[in-house]
Amino acid sequence: MPFSYSFHSSNKCGRHRSHSGNHDAQPALCRSDLVSGSPLVFRHSWLITSDEFFWIAQNEYVLVSNSELQTGTANTKGTEAKATVPKTNHDCKLRDLFLSFVTFVFAVGFIATISRMPQNKVAVVTGSSSGFGLLTVVELAKAGFLVVATMRDPQRRTRLDAALAAAGNNLVSQIDVRQLDITNFEKIPSAISEIVREHGRIDVLVNNAGFAVGGFAEDVLLEELRLQLETNFFGQVAVTKAVLPTMRAQRSGHVIMLSSILGLMGQPVISSYCASKHALEGWSEALRIELRSLGIKVVLVEPGAYKTDIWTRNVLVSRGSTDDSSPNKERSRSYVAGVKESKQEMADPVEVAHLITRLAQDPNPRLRYRAGRDAKIGYFMRALLPWNIWEGMVEKRTKIR
C-alpha cells in the first residue's frame, strides 16, 4: 500500500512527532529506529533498506515505497521536507557508480593498512639463558611472538635450545638469540638499533636479567653493592631508555620489569638485592606515569620465591661474609641452611612466565602484579601486623637470631 511519512529534524524519541500522509496504523520512527531496523546502505544522500528508501535532506526524513519511487508518485505534500524524489533511474545509477568508487578507494586503503601491519609482534627478553627469562622466551614464542632472546654469553644457550625443542611446533624459527651484556652501557643502544633494523619494531621489552648479592649489609663490599645496582637497576634503565624511542614512534609498547616482592619489603642477608629492586620499583612507577599518554605500558612483576638459579648459580656471596674475621659468619651459615630447606617449598617458575606472556598481550595492564603464594601472603601480613611482630617473624624464619 502506498504511504509516506515525514519527520521534522527537531523530533527525538519520546517527543511529539509531526507527520502527515495516508497511512494505516504505523509505528512512529525516530533516529534510533533507523539504526535498529533492517540493515542500511548509504548511497550519497540515500539510506536504503530492502523495502523502502529514506531520502535525507536538510535533516528531514521522507519514507516512500519502492513503487512510488519507480513511478515518481511519492506524496510529500503537507510535510516540511524540502527534498524531491528522483523520477528516473539515471540519478540512481550515478549514485551507484559513485558508491562503487568510494568503496574501492576504502578497500584499497584497508588492504594497504593490513599489509603494513607486522606479521608477528616482536619481544625482547634479557637474561634468557636460564630461569624466568628462558621460560618467558618459550611461552612468548608459543603465543606467536618473534622473540629476541638476549644473554651475556650466547654459548650458554643450550638450556634454551633444549626447552624450545621440547616445546615442539618449530619454535626455534621464532627465536633470535643475541649477545647483550646489560652492564656494558655503551653498547646497548647499538644492540637495540640493530634489532629494530632487522625486525622493524619492538612491541614488548622484558627486563629480566639480574642476580643477587648475598651477605649481611655490614660485610658487603661497596664494589659488590655497586655491581648489584649496575645490573639489577642501571642495566634495566639503560635497556629501557634504548628501546623507548622506538616505542614512542610506534605510539605503543609494553615494558615489563622483573622486580621482586623484595622490592616492596626488606629481607635480611640480601639487603643489596632488596636495594636494587626498591630502586627499580620507584623508577618504574614514575616512568609509567610519564609514558601513559604515549601508549606505552610499564608493568612490574613481583615474584616471591621460585625454583630458579637466582639462589644458586646466579648468587654472588659477598667475600666479606665468608671471611673468618666476619662477626656474622655463623649467622650466614644458618641463613644458607634455611634457604636450602625452604627451596623445597618454592613454586614452579613457569607460573611467572605465563603471567608475563599474558601481560604482554594485555592492552591495559595494571602497574603491579605479585606472583606466588608467599609473595601475596607476605605482603598482606606485613601491612596487617604491627612492625615489631613482623620483624620478629622474619628474624625467626631466616634463622639469623
Protein backbone atom coordinates (compact mmCIF):
# COMPACT_ATOMS: atom_id res chain seq x y z
CA MET A 1 0.00 0.00 0.00
CA PRO A 2 1.46 3.41 -0.91
CA PHE A 3 2.32 5.51 2.07
CA SER A 4 4.54 8.44 3.04
CA TYR A 5 5.92 9.85 6.25
CA SER A 6 7.93 12.94 7.04
CA PHE A 7 9.65 13.84 10.29
CA HIS A 8 10.94 17.23 11.33
CA SER A 9 14.65 17.23 12.37
CA SER A 10 13.82 18.53 15.83
CA ASN A 11 11.86 15.41 16.68
CA LYS A 12 13.52 12.96 19.08
CA CYS A 13 12.44 9.66 20.58
CA GLY A 14 9.90 10.20 23.31
CA ARG A 15 8.76 13.59 21.92
CA HIS A 16 5.79 14.52 19.72
CA ARG A 17 6.43 13.70 16.07
CA SER A 18 4.62 15.71 13.41
CA HIS A 19 3.57 13.58 10.45
CA SER A 20 1.23 13.59 7.52
CA GLY A 21 0.18 11.41 4.65
CA ASN A 22 -2.15 8.48 4.07
CA HIS A 23 -1.38 5.57 6.28
CA ASP A 24 -2.65 2.67 8.24
CA ALA A 25 -1.65 2.39 11.90
CA GLN A 26 2.12 2.56 11.70
CA PRO A 27 4.68 2.88 14.48
CA ALA A 28 6.36 6.27 14.75
CA LEU A 29 10.01 6.33 13.72
CA CYS A 30 12.98 8.20 15.07
CA ARG A 31 16.74 8.24 14.52
CA SER A 32 17.20 5.19 16.72
CA ASP A 33 14.60 3.34 14.60
CA LEU A 34 16.71 3.93 11.53
CA VAL A 35 19.66 2.29 13.23
CA SER A 36 17.89 -0.57 14.94
CA GLY A 37 15.82 -1.66 11.91
CA SER A 38 16.93 -3.65 8.88
CA PRO A 39 20.46 -3.14 7.53
CA LEU A 40 21.02 0.27 5.94
CA VAL A 41 23.19 1.03 2.92
CA PHE A 42 24.47 4.56 2.40
CA ARG A 43 24.29 5.93 -1.13
CA HIS A 44 25.35 9.53 -1.20
CA SER A 45 22.33 11.21 0.40
CA TRP A 46 20.27 7.98 0.40
CA LEU A 47 19.73 5.42 3.13
CA ILE A 48 18.36 2.22 1.58
CA THR A 49 16.57 -0.69 3.24
CA SER A 50 15.29 -3.76 1.50
CA ASP A 51 11.80 -2.29 1.02
CA GLU A 52 11.95 1.48 1.33
CA PHE A 53 14.14 4.46 0.54
CA PHE A 54 14.83 7.16 3.10
CA TRP A 55 15.60 10.45 1.43
CA ILE A 56 17.59 12.69 3.75
CA ALA A 57 17.68 16.40 3.02
CA GLN A 58 18.33 19.24 5.43
CA ASN A 59 17.95 16.86 8.43
CA GLU A 60 14.45 15.76 7.47
CA TYR A 61 13.30 12.23 6.67
CA VAL A 62 10.78 11.16 4.00
CA LEU A 63 9.86 7.49 3.70
CA VAL A 64 8.46 6.37 0.34
CA SER A 65 7.78 2.92 -1.03
CA ASN A 66 9.68 1.40 -3.92
CA SER A 67 6.59 1.52 -6.11
CA GLU A 68 6.24 5.24 -5.52
CA LEU A 69 9.90 5.74 -6.29
CA GLN A 70 9.57 3.84 -9.58
CA THR A 71 6.61 5.91 -10.70
CA GLY A 72 7.62 9.17 -9.08
CA THR A 73 4.26 9.45 -7.36
CA ALA A 74 5.55 9.91 -3.83
CA ASN A 75 3.27 12.23 -1.90
CA THR A 76 5.13 14.68 0.29
CA LYS A 77 2.59 17.44 0.27
CA GLY A 78 1.75 18.86 3.63
CA THR A 79 5.15 17.95 5.02
CA GLU A 80 8.12 20.05 5.82
CA ALA A 81 10.54 18.04 3.68
CA LYS A 82 12.34 20.12 1.05
CA ALA A 83 13.68 17.19 -0.98
CA THR A 84 12.09 15.65 -4.05
CA VAL A 85 12.25 12.05 -5.15
CA PRO A 86 14.03 11.43 -8.47
CA LYS A 87 11.74 10.24 -11.25
CA THR A 88 14.33 8.37 -13.35
CA ASN A 89 16.90 5.66 -12.73
CA HIS A 90 19.68 7.82 -14.17
CA ASP A 91 20.47 9.53 -10.83
CA CYS A 92 20.44 6.20 -9.03
CA LYS A 93 22.93 4.73 -11.47
CA LEU A 94 25.22 7.70 -10.97
CA ARG A 95 24.98 7.25 -7.23
CA ASP A 96 25.71 3.52 -7.58
CA LEU A 97 28.80 4.33 -9.63
CA PHE A 98 29.96 6.89 -7.07
CA LEU A 99 29.37 4.42 -4.22
CA SER A 100 31.36 1.73 -6.03
CA PHE A 101 34.26 4.13 -6.50
CA VAL A 102 34.26 5.19 -2.83
CA THR A 103 34.06 1.54 -1.73
CA PHE A 104 37.01 0.67 -3.97
CA VAL A 105 39.12 3.50 -2.55
CA PHE A 106 38.38 2.46 1.04
CA ALA A 107 39.08 -1.19 0.24
CA VAL A 108 42.47 -0.33 -1.26
CA GLY A 109 43.35 1.76 1.79
CA PHE A 110 42.27 -1.00 4.17
CA ILE A 111 44.32 -3.63 2.33
CA ALA A 112 47.35 -1.34 2.33
CA THR A 113 46.98 -0.78 6.08
CA ILE A 114 46.72 -4.51 6.76
CA SER A 115 49.78 -5.21 4.62
CA ARG A 116 51.84 -2.79 6.71
CA MET A 117 50.89 -4.48 9.98
CA PRO A 118 53.58 -6.75 11.46
CA GLN A 119 53.06 -10.47 10.96
CA ASN A 120 54.48 -11.16 14.42
CA LYS A 121 54.85 -8.90 17.39
CA VAL A 122 58.48 -8.57 18.47
CA ALA A 123 59.52 -9.15 22.08
CA VAL A 124 62.99 -8.62 23.55
CA VAL A 125 63.85 -10.63 26.66
CA THR A 126 67.06 -10.02 28.60
CA GLY A 127 68.74 -12.73 30.68
CA SER A 128 67.32 -15.56 28.55
CA SER A 129 69.83 -18.29 29.34
CA SER A 130 68.03 -19.53 32.47
CA GLY A 131 65.21 -19.04 34.94
CA PHE A 132 62.30 -16.72 34.28
CA GLY A 133 63.96 -15.37 31.13
CA LEU A 134 64.35 -18.77 29.49
CA LEU A 135 60.78 -19.84 30.29
CA THR A 136 59.38 -16.49 29.16
CA VAL A 137 61.08 -16.82 25.77
CA VAL A 138 59.41 -20.19 25.25
CA GLU A 139 55.96 -19.01 26.35
CA LEU A 140 56.09 -15.84 24.22
CA ALA A 141 57.07 -17.92 21.19
CA LYS A 142 54.12 -20.23 21.86
CA ALA A 143 51.89 -17.15 21.88
CA GLY A 144 53.11 -16.18 18.40
CA PHE A 145 55.74 -13.59 19.25
CA LEU A 146 59.03 -13.28 17.43
CA VAL A 147 61.37 -13.29 20.42
CA VAL A 148 64.83 -11.74 20.57
CA ALA A 149 66.47 -13.68 23.40
CA THR A 150 69.49 -11.83 24.73
CA MET A 151 72.12 -13.19 27.08
CA ARG A 152 75.57 -12.18 28.24
CA ASP A 153 77.15 -15.36 26.85
CA PRO A 154 75.35 -16.97 23.86
CA GLN A 155 77.35 -20.16 24.42
CA ARG A 156 75.07 -20.74 27.42
CA ARG A 157 72.04 -21.11 25.16
CA THR A 158 71.98 -24.91 25.36
CA ARG A 159 69.25 -25.00 28.01
CA LEU A 160 67.13 -22.60 25.97
CA ASP A 161 67.56 -24.69 22.82
CA ALA A 162 66.57 -27.82 24.73
CA ALA A 163 63.45 -26.13 26.12
CA LEU A 164 62.43 -24.92 22.67
CA ALA A 165 62.94 -28.38 21.17
CA ALA A 166 60.86 -29.96 23.94
CA ALA A 167 58.06 -27.47 23.31
CA GLY A 168 57.83 -28.53 19.65
CA ASN A 169 55.97 -26.62 16.89
CA ASN A 170 59.28 -25.47 15.41
CA LEU A 171 59.52 -22.63 17.93
CA VAL A 172 63.22 -22.26 17.15
CA SER A 173 62.25 -20.43 13.95
CA GLN A 174 60.69 -17.67 16.07
CA ILE A 175 63.79 -17.09 18.22
CA ASP A 176 66.68 -14.74 17.55
CA VAL A 177 69.45 -15.27 20.13
CA ARG A 178 71.77 -12.27 20.58
CA GLN A 179 74.63 -11.32 22.84
CA LEU A 180 73.90 -8.47 25.25
CA ASP A 181 75.61 -7.54 28.49
CA ILE A 182 73.30 -5.05 30.17
CA THR A 183 76.17 -3.66 32.26
CA ASN A 184 78.03 -2.64 29.10
CA PHE A 185 76.06 0.58 28.84
CA GLU A 186 77.90 1.97 25.81
CA LYS A 187 76.98 -0.97 23.56
CA ILE A 188 73.30 -1.24 24.50
CA PRO A 189 71.99 1.49 22.10
CA SER A 190 73.69 -0.07 19.07
CA ALA A 191 72.45 -3.54 20.00
CA ILE A 192 68.86 -2.31 20.24
CA SER A 193 69.18 -0.34 16.99
CA GLU A 194 70.35 -3.49 15.22
CA ILE A 195 67.30 -5.37 16.48
CA VAL A 196 64.99 -2.62 15.19
CA ARG A 197 66.73 -2.52 11.80
CA GLU A 198 66.30 -6.25 11.34
CA HIS A 199 62.82 -6.77 12.79
CA GLY A 200 61.26 -3.35 12.23
CA ARG A 201 59.82 -2.80 15.69
CA ILE A 202 59.84 -3.76 19.37
CA ASP A 203 56.45 -4.38 20.93
CA VAL A 204 57.49 -5.87 24.27
CA LEU A 205 60.59 -5.49 26.42
CA VAL A 206 61.01 -7.92 29.30
CA ASN A 207 63.74 -6.68 31.63
CA ASN A 208 64.67 -9.93 33.33
CA ALA A 209 68.47 -10.05 33.59
CA GLY A 210 69.76 -9.89 37.13
CA PHE A 211 71.45 -11.67 40.02
CA ALA A 212 71.64 -11.50 43.81
CA VAL A 213 74.44 -10.47 46.16
CA GLY A 214 74.21 -12.43 49.41
CA GLY A 215 75.68 -11.28 52.68
CA PHE A 216 74.96 -9.17 55.70
CA ALA A 217 74.97 -5.45 54.89
CA GLU A 218 77.83 -4.98 57.35
CA ASP A 219 80.01 -7.37 55.32
CA VAL A 220 79.10 -6.47 51.72
CA LEU A 221 81.84 -4.54 49.97
CA LEU A 222 80.95 -1.30 48.23
CA GLU A 223 82.09 -2.62 44.84
CA GLU A 224 79.80 -5.62 45.30
CA LEU A 225 76.86 -3.37 46.12
CA ARG A 226 77.70 -1.21 43.10
CA LEU A 227 77.77 -4.24 40.81
CA GLN A 228 74.39 -5.31 42.18
CA LEU A 229 72.85 -1.93 41.37
CA GLU A 230 74.52 -1.68 37.96
CA THR A 231 72.96 -4.97 36.88
CA ASN A 232 69.56 -5.03 38.56
CA PHE A 233 68.83 -1.31 38.27
CA PHE A 234 71.06 0.68 35.96
CA GLY A 235 71.17 -2.12 33.40
CA GLN A 236 67.36 -2.23 33.24
CA VAL A 237 67.26 1.54 32.95
CA ALA A 238 69.82 1.56 30.11
CA VAL A 239 67.98 -1.08 28.06
CA THR A 240 64.62 0.64 28.62
CA LYS A 241 65.97 4.03 27.55
CA ALA A 242 67.40 2.46 24.38
CA VAL A 243 64.02 0.91 23.48
CA LEU A 244 61.78 3.89 24.28
CA PRO A 245 62.42 5.93 21.08
CA THR A 246 61.14 3.00 19.00
CA MET A 247 58.05 2.55 21.17
CA ARG A 248 57.44 6.31 21.15
CA ALA A 249 57.47 6.31 17.34
CA GLN A 250 55.05 3.35 17.34
CA ARG A 251 52.86 5.01 20.00
CA SER A 252 52.67 1.59 21.64
CA GLY A 253 54.68 -0.94 23.61
CA HIS A 254 54.94 -2.88 26.86
CA VAL A 255 57.91 -2.59 29.23
CA ILE A 256 57.71 -5.45 31.74
CA MET A 257 60.10 -5.22 34.69
CA LEU A 258 61.02 -8.40 36.57
CA SER A 259 61.11 -6.94 40.05
CA SER A 260 60.53 -8.92 43.24
CA ILE A 261 58.34 -8.89 46.29
CA LEU A 262 61.60 -7.81 47.96
CA GLY A 263 61.25 -4.56 46.06
CA LEU A 264 58.41 -3.78 48.46
CA MET A 265 59.88 -5.15 51.70
CA GLY A 266 63.32 -5.77 53.15
CA GLN A 267 64.89 -9.17 53.78
CA PRO A 268 68.00 -9.80 55.88
CA VAL A 269 71.22 -11.08 54.28
CA ILE A 270 70.18 -9.88 50.80
CA SER A 271 69.96 -6.16 51.52
CA SER A 272 71.85 -5.35 48.31
CA TYR A 273 69.31 -7.24 46.21
CA CYS A 274 66.44 -5.54 48.05
CA ALA A 275 68.01 -2.13 47.42
CA SER A 276 68.27 -2.78 43.66
CA LYS A 277 64.64 -3.90 43.44
CA HIS A 278 63.37 -0.99 45.54
CA ALA A 279 65.13 1.37 43.14
CA LEU A 280 63.58 -0.40 40.15
CA GLU A 281 60.11 -0.16 41.72
CA GLY A 282 60.30 3.59 42.30
CA TRP A 283 61.78 4.36 38.88
CA SER A 284 59.25 2.18 37.07
CA GLU A 285 56.28 3.70 38.87
CA ALA A 286 57.36 7.20 37.86
CA LEU A 287 58.16 6.04 34.31
CA ARG A 288 54.70 4.53 33.87
CA ILE A 289 53.06 7.88 34.57
CA GLU A 290 55.44 9.68 32.20
CA LEU A 291 54.68 7.28 29.34
CA ARG A 292 50.96 6.84 29.92
CA SER A 293 49.88 9.39 27.30
CA LEU A 294 52.22 7.83 24.69
CA GLY A 295 50.51 4.46 24.65
CA ILE A 296 53.45 2.71 26.36
CA LYS A 297 52.62 0.47 29.33
CA VAL A 298 55.10 -0.10 32.16
CA VAL A 299 54.40 -3.14 34.35
CA LEU A 300 56.10 -4.52 37.46
CA VAL A 301 56.04 -8.27 38.10
CA GLU A 302 56.88 -9.07 41.73
CA PRO A 303 57.56 -12.79 42.23
CA GLY A 304 58.13 -14.45 45.55
CA ALA A 305 60.44 -17.46 45.93
CA TYR A 306 60.61 -19.74 42.88
CA LYS A 307 62.90 -22.58 41.87
CA THR A 308 65.32 -20.64 39.68
CA ASP A 309 69.08 -20.11 39.56
CA ILE A 310 68.86 -16.83 41.43
CA TRP A 311 69.73 -18.54 44.73
CA THR A 312 72.31 -20.97 43.29
CA ARG A 313 74.34 -20.23 40.19
CA ASN A 314 73.20 -16.60 39.97
CA VAL A 315 74.04 -15.65 43.52
CA LEU A 316 77.23 -13.87 44.50
CA VAL A 317 78.17 -14.42 48.13
CA SER A 318 79.99 -11.41 49.47
CA ARG A 319 83.67 -12.00 50.17
CA GLY A 320 83.25 -10.20 53.47
CA SER A 321 80.62 -12.71 54.59
CA THR A 322 82.91 -15.69 54.06
CA ASP A 323 85.88 -14.12 55.78
CA ASP A 324 86.82 -15.82 59.03
CA SER A 325 87.00 -12.44 60.69
CA SER A 326 83.35 -11.65 59.89
CA PRO A 327 81.22 -11.31 63.04
CA ASN A 328 78.29 -12.69 61.03
CA LYS A 329 79.95 -15.90 59.85
CA GLU A 330 77.79 -18.26 61.91
CA ARG A 331 74.60 -16.39 61.17
CA SER A 332 75.40 -16.58 57.46
CA ARG A 333 75.72 -20.35 57.67
CA SER A 334 72.37 -20.58 59.44
CA TYR A 335 70.76 -18.46 56.75
CA VAL A 336 72.14 -20.61 53.93
CA ALA A 337 70.81 -23.72 55.66
CA GLY A 338 67.37 -22.10 55.92
CA VAL A 339 67.36 -21.24 52.21
CA LYS A 340 68.14 -24.83 51.29
CA GLU A 341 65.25 -26.04 53.42
CA SER A 342 62.76 -23.54 52.00
CA LYS A 343 63.77 -24.34 48.43
CA GLN A 344 61.64 -27.47 48.63
CA GLU A 345 58.59 -25.23 49.13
CA MET A 346 59.31 -22.97 46.16
CA ALA A 347 56.85 -22.90 43.27
CA ASP A 348 57.30 -23.71 39.58
CA PRO A 349 58.73 -20.65 37.80
CA VAL A 350 56.66 -21.31 34.68
CA GLU A 351 53.82 -19.58 36.57
CA VAL A 352 55.69 -16.30 36.21
CA ALA A 353 56.40 -16.95 32.51
CA HIS A 354 52.68 -17.49 31.93
CA LEU A 355 51.90 -14.25 33.74
CA ILE A 356 54.42 -12.25 31.72
CA THR A 357 53.04 -13.66 28.46
CA ARG A 358 49.52 -12.72 29.46
CA LEU A 359 50.60 -9.19 30.39
CA ALA A 360 52.44 -8.81 27.07
CA GLN A 361 49.08 -9.29 25.33
CA ASP A 362 47.00 -7.21 27.72
CA PRO A 363 46.24 -3.77 26.21
CA ASN A 364 45.63 -2.22 29.65
CA PRO A 365 47.70 -3.95 32.36
CA ARG A 366 47.92 -2.68 35.92
CA LEU A 367 51.17 -1.34 37.35
CA ARG A 368 51.92 -4.20 39.78
CA TYR A 369 51.37 -7.95 39.75
CA ARG A 370 52.52 -10.10 42.65
CA ALA A 371 53.27 -13.73 41.79
CA GLY A 372 53.42 -16.64 44.20
CA ARG A 373 51.55 -17.54 47.34
CA ASP A 374 54.39 -16.43 49.61
CA ALA A 375 54.58 -13.02 47.94
CA LYS A 376 50.85 -12.37 48.29
CA ILE A 377 50.60 -13.60 51.87
CA GLY A 378 53.83 -11.91 52.94
CA TYR A 379 52.77 -8.54 51.53
CA PHE A 380 49.37 -8.80 53.23
CA MET A 381 50.84 -9.84 56.59
CA ARG A 382 53.41 -7.06 56.56
CA ALA A 383 50.66 -4.49 56.02
CA LEU A 384 48.43 -6.06 58.66
CA LEU A 385 50.76 -6.84 61.56
CA PRO A 386 52.47 -4.34 63.89
CA TRP A 387 56.08 -3.87 62.86
CA ASN A 388 57.67 -5.42 65.97
CA ILE A 389 55.71 -8.64 65.43
CA TRP A 390 56.53 -8.76 61.73
CA GLU A 391 60.26 -8.29 62.14
CA GLY A 392 60.37 -10.97 64.83
CA MET A 393 58.68 -13.43 62.46
CA VAL A 394 61.18 -12.64 59.67
CA GLU A 395 64.12 -12.96 62.02
CA LYS A 396 62.94 -16.38 63.18
CA ARG A 397 62.14 -17.69 59.69
CA THR A 398 65.51 -16.68 58.24
CA LYS A 399 67.30 -18.35 61.19
CA ILE A 400 69.58 -15.37 61.89
CA ARG A 401 68.59 -14.88 65.55
